[in-house]
Amino acid sequence: NKGDNELRNICELMKSEKQFEATFDAAIMGIKRLMKESIEKMTKAFEALDARDKIIEKESKFNERVYKMACGSIQDFHAGLTGRVGSADLDFEKAMKSEHCLKIGHNIS
């Protein structure tokens, strides 16, 4: 089995301390290099995200212009949803069944 041979080769490294140390040191150098490259990539990615966030913040609609949303009078606001759409049905289960199973459009996704 190929996998067994590879594992046997690794076991052979222990027979020579010098060979084991050289192989281990090479592996550590490779891991360090991969870690360094990964950290550099992440650093660049975070820098790009931070730059994008600064642009978005700078161009945000809330920083330059304030829009007024017209949706009723101050009395409408103080009346709340009950004033606009009426009181909630206190028979919750009946209301849910009606809304989701009986009323027009209940079967439209």
C-alpha atoms as a PDB file:
ATOM      1  CA  ASN A   1       0.000   0.000   0.000  1.00  0.00           C
ATOM      2  CA  LYS A   2       1.416   3.391  -1.031  1.00  0.00           C
ATOM      3  CA  GLY A   3       0.299   5.106   2.179  1.00  0.00           C
ATOM      4  CA  ASP A   4       2.053   2.476   4.268  1.00  0.00           C
ATOM      5  CA  ASN A   5       5.299   3.081   2.387  1.00  0.00           C
ATOM      6  CA  GLU A   6       5.119   6.821   3.054  1.00  0.00           C
ATOM      7  CA  LEU A   7       4.522   6.194   6.744  1.00  0.00           C
ATOM      8  CA  ARG A   8       7.380   3.679   6.797  1.00  0.00           C
ATOM      9  CA  ASN A   9       9.640   6.316   5.231  1.00  0.00           C
ATOM     10  CA  ILE A  10       8.739   8.744   7.999  1.00  0.00           C
ATOM     11  CA  CYS A  11       9.582   6.064  10.576  1.00  0.00           C
ATOM     12  CA  GLU A  12      12.960   5.602   8.888  1.00  0.00           C
ATOM     13  CA  LEU A  13      13.797   9.214   9.779  1.00  0.00           C
ATOM     14  CA  MET A  14      14.027   8.269  13.442  1.00  0.00           C
ATOM     15  CA  LYS A  15      16.882   5.872  12.718  1.00  0.00           C
ATOM     16  CA  SER A  16      19.212   8.786  12.052  1.00  0.00           C
ATOM     17  CA  GLU A  17      19.000  11.725  14.454  1.00  0.00           C
ATOM     18  CA  LYS A  18      20.868  13.932  11.987  1.00  0.00           C
ATOM     19  CA  GLN A  19      18.444  13.121   9.132  1.00  0.00           C
ATOM     20  CA  PHE A  20      15.471  13.609  11.462  1.00  0.00           C
ATOM     21  CA  GLU A  21      16.750  17.027  12.591  1.00  0.00           C
ATOM     22  CA  ALA A  22      17.408  18.147   9.013  1.00  0.00           C
ATOM     23  CA  THR A  23      13.952  17.031   7.849  1.00  0.00           C
ATOM     24  CA  PHE A  24      12.256  18.582  10.875  1.00  0.00           C
ATOM     25  CA  ASP A  25      14.140  21.885  10.434  1.00  0.00           C
ATOM     26  CA  ALA A  26      13.170  21.993   6.735  1.00  0.00           C
ATOM     27  CA  ALA A  27       9.519  21.363   7.643  1.00  0.00           C
ATOM     28  CA  ILE A  28       9.610  24.130  10.251  1.00  0.00           C
ATOM     29  CA  MET A  29      11.107  26.554   7.720  1.00  0.00           C
ATOM     30  CA  GLY A  30       8.316  25.667   5.273  1.00  0.00           C
ATOM     31  CA  ILE A  31       5.652  26.189   7.928  1.00  0.00           C
ATOM     32  CA  LYS A  32       7.163  29.558   8.891  1.00  0.00           C
ATOM     33  CA  ARG A  33       7.206  30.631   5.238  1.00  0.00           C
ATOM     34  CA  LEU A  34       3.567  29.594   4.750  1.00  0.00           C
ATOM     35  CA  MET A  35       2.530  31.391   7.945  1.00  0.00           C
ATOM     36  CA  LYS A  36       4.380  34.553   6.902  1.00  0.00           C
ATOM     37  CA  GLU A  37       2.761  34.503   3.434  1.00  0.00           C
ATOM     38  CA  SER A  38      -0.684  33.907   4.948  1.00  0.00           C
ATOM     39  CA  ILE A  39      -0.263  36.736   7.447  1.00  0.00           C
ATOM     40  CA  GLU A  40       0.900  39.082   4.685  1.00  0.00           C
ATOM     41  CA  LYS A  41      -2.167  38.175   2.587  1.00  0.00           C
ATOM     42  CA  MET A  42      -4.498  38.692   5.558  1.00  0.00           C
ATOM     43  CA  THR A  43      -2.860  42.030   6.363  1.00  0.00           C
ATOM     44  CA  LYS A  44      -3.399  43.224   2.776  1.00  0.00           C
ATOM     45  CA  ALA A  45      -6.999  41.980   2.849  1.00  0.00           C
ATOM     46  CA  PHE A  46      -7.709  43.824   6.104  1.00  0.00           C
ATOM     47  CA  GLU A  47      -6.082  46.972   4.733  1.00  0.00           C
ATOM     48  CA  ALA A  48      -8.341  46.748   1.675  1.00  0.00           C
ATOM     49  CA  LEU A  49     -11.404  46.223   3.894  1.00  0.00           C
ATOM     50  CA  ASP A  50     -10.447  49.198   6.059  1.00  0.00           C
ATOM     51  CA  ALA A  51      -9.939  51.383   2.970  1.00  0.00           C
ATOM     52  CA  ARG A  52     -13.313  50.274   1.593  1.00  0.00           C
ATOM     53  CA  ASP A  53     -15.005  51.001   4.914  1.00  0.00           C
ATOM     54  CA  LYS A  54     -13.497  54.502   4.965  1.00  0.00           C
ATOM     55  CA  ILE A  55     -14.811  55.161   1.443  1.00  0.00           C
ATOM     56  CA  ILE A  56     -18.260  53.856   2.355  1.00  0.00           C
ATOM     57  CA  GLU A  57     -18.291  55.934   5.528  1.00  0.00           C
ATOM     58  CA  LYS A  58     -17.157  59.002   3.608  1.00  0.00           C
ATOM     59  CA  GLU A  59     -19.773  58.540   0.882  1.00  0.00           C
ATOM     60  CA  SER A  60     -22.557  57.462   3.212  1.00  0.00           C
ATOM     61  CA  LYS A  61     -25.898  59.071   2.511  1.00  0.00           C
ATOM     62  CA  PHE A  62     -26.162  59.910   6.194  1.00  0.00           C
ATOM     63  CA  ASN A  63     -23.002  62.034   6.195  1.00  0.00           C
ATOM     64  CA  GLU A  64     -23.891  64.365   3.326  1.00  0.00           C
ATOM     65  CA  ARG A  65     -27.649  64.518   3.006  1.00  0.00           C
ATOM     66  CA  VAL A  66     -30.561  64.041   5.306  1.00  0.00           C
ATOM     67  CA  TYR A  67     -33.722  62.750   3.707  1.00  0.00           C
ATOM     68  CA  LYS A  68     -37.128  63.382   5.151  1.00  0.00           C
ATOM     69  CA  MET A  69     -39.411  60.404   5.051  1.00  0.00           C
ATOM     70  CA  ALA A  70     -42.975  61.553   4.626  1.00  0.00           C
ATOM     71  CA  CYS A  71     -45.307  58.980   6.106  1.00  0.00           C
ATOM     72  CA  GLY A  72     -47.903  60.899   8.016  1.00  0.00           C
ATOM     73  CA  SER A  73     -48.274  63.613  10.576  1.00  0.00           C
ATOM     74  CA  ILE A  74     -46.845  63.843  14.052  1.00  0.00           C
ATOM     75  CA  GLN A  75     -50.248  62.695  15.346  1.00  0.00           C
ATOM     76  CA  ASP A  76     -49.937  59.566  13.169  1.00  0.00           C
ATOM     77  CA  PHE A  77     -46.527  58.930  14.680  1.00  0.00           C
ATOM     78  CA  HIS A  78     -47.841  59.220  18.232  1.00  0.00           C
ATOM     79  CA  ALA A  79     -50.840  57.015  17.440  1.00  0.00           C
ATOM     80  CA  GLY A  80     -48.389  54.214  16.561  1.00  0.00           C
ATOM     81  CA  LEU A  81     -49.224  51.143  14.495  1.00  0.00           C
ATOM     82  CA  THR A  82     -52.558  50.683  16.232  1.00  0.00           C
ATOM     83  CA  GLY A  83     -53.625  54.077  14.969  1.00  0.00           C
ATOM     84  CA  ARG A  84     -52.574  53.193  11.416  1.00  0.00           C
ATOM     85  CA  VAL A  85     -53.647  49.566  11.010  1.00  0.00           C
ATOM     86  CA  GLY A  86     -55.875  48.884  13.994  1.00  0.00           C
ATOM     87  CA  SER A  87     -55.556  46.666  17.023  1.00  0.00           C
ATOM     88  CA  ALA A  88     -54.072  43.201  16.837  1.00  0.00           C
ATOM     89  CA  ASP A  89     -56.446  40.228  16.852  1.00  0.00           C
ATOM     90  CA  LEU A  90     -56.309  38.774  20.352  1.00  0.00           C
ATOM     91  CA  ASP A  91     -57.090  35.271  19.098  1.00  0.00           C
ATOM     92  CA  PHE A  92     -53.550  34.802  17.862  1.00  0.00           C
ATOM     93  CA  GLU A  93     -53.895  31.246  16.516  1.00  0.00           C
ATOM     94  CA  LYS A  94     -57.035  32.111  14.528  1.00  0.00           C
ATOM     95  CA  ALA A  95     -55.375  35.239  13.132  1.00  0.00           C
ATOM     96  CA  MET A  96     -52.234  33.314  12.097  1.00  0.00           C
ATOM     97  CA  LYS A  97     -54.294  30.569  10.407  1.00  0.00           C
ATOM     98  CA  SER A  98     -56.344  33.171   8.567  1.00  0.00           C
ATOM     99  CA  GLU A  99     -53.291  35.161   7.476  1.00  0.00           C
ATOM    100  CA  HIS A 100     -51.182  32.186   6.369  1.00  0.00           C
ATOM    101  CA  CYS A 101     -53.763  29.611   5.264  1.00  0.00           C
ATOM    102  CA  LEU A 102     -57.040  31.283   4.254  1.00  0.00           C
ATOM    103  CA  LYS A 103     -56.669  34.862   3.052  1.00  0.00           C
ATOM    104  CA  ILE A 104     -56.053  35.741  -0.591  1.00  0.00           C
ATOM    105  CA  GLY A 105     -52.379  35.372  -1.466  1.00  0.00           C
ATOM    106  CA  HIS A 106     -51.511  32.916   1.298  1.00  0.00           C
ATOM    107  CA  ASN A 107     -50.155  30.442  -1.252  1.00  0.00           C
ATOM    108  CA  ILE A 108     -47.944  32.872  -3.168  1.00  0.00           C
ATOM    109  CA  SER A 109     -44.208  32.670  -2.539  1.00  0.00           C
END
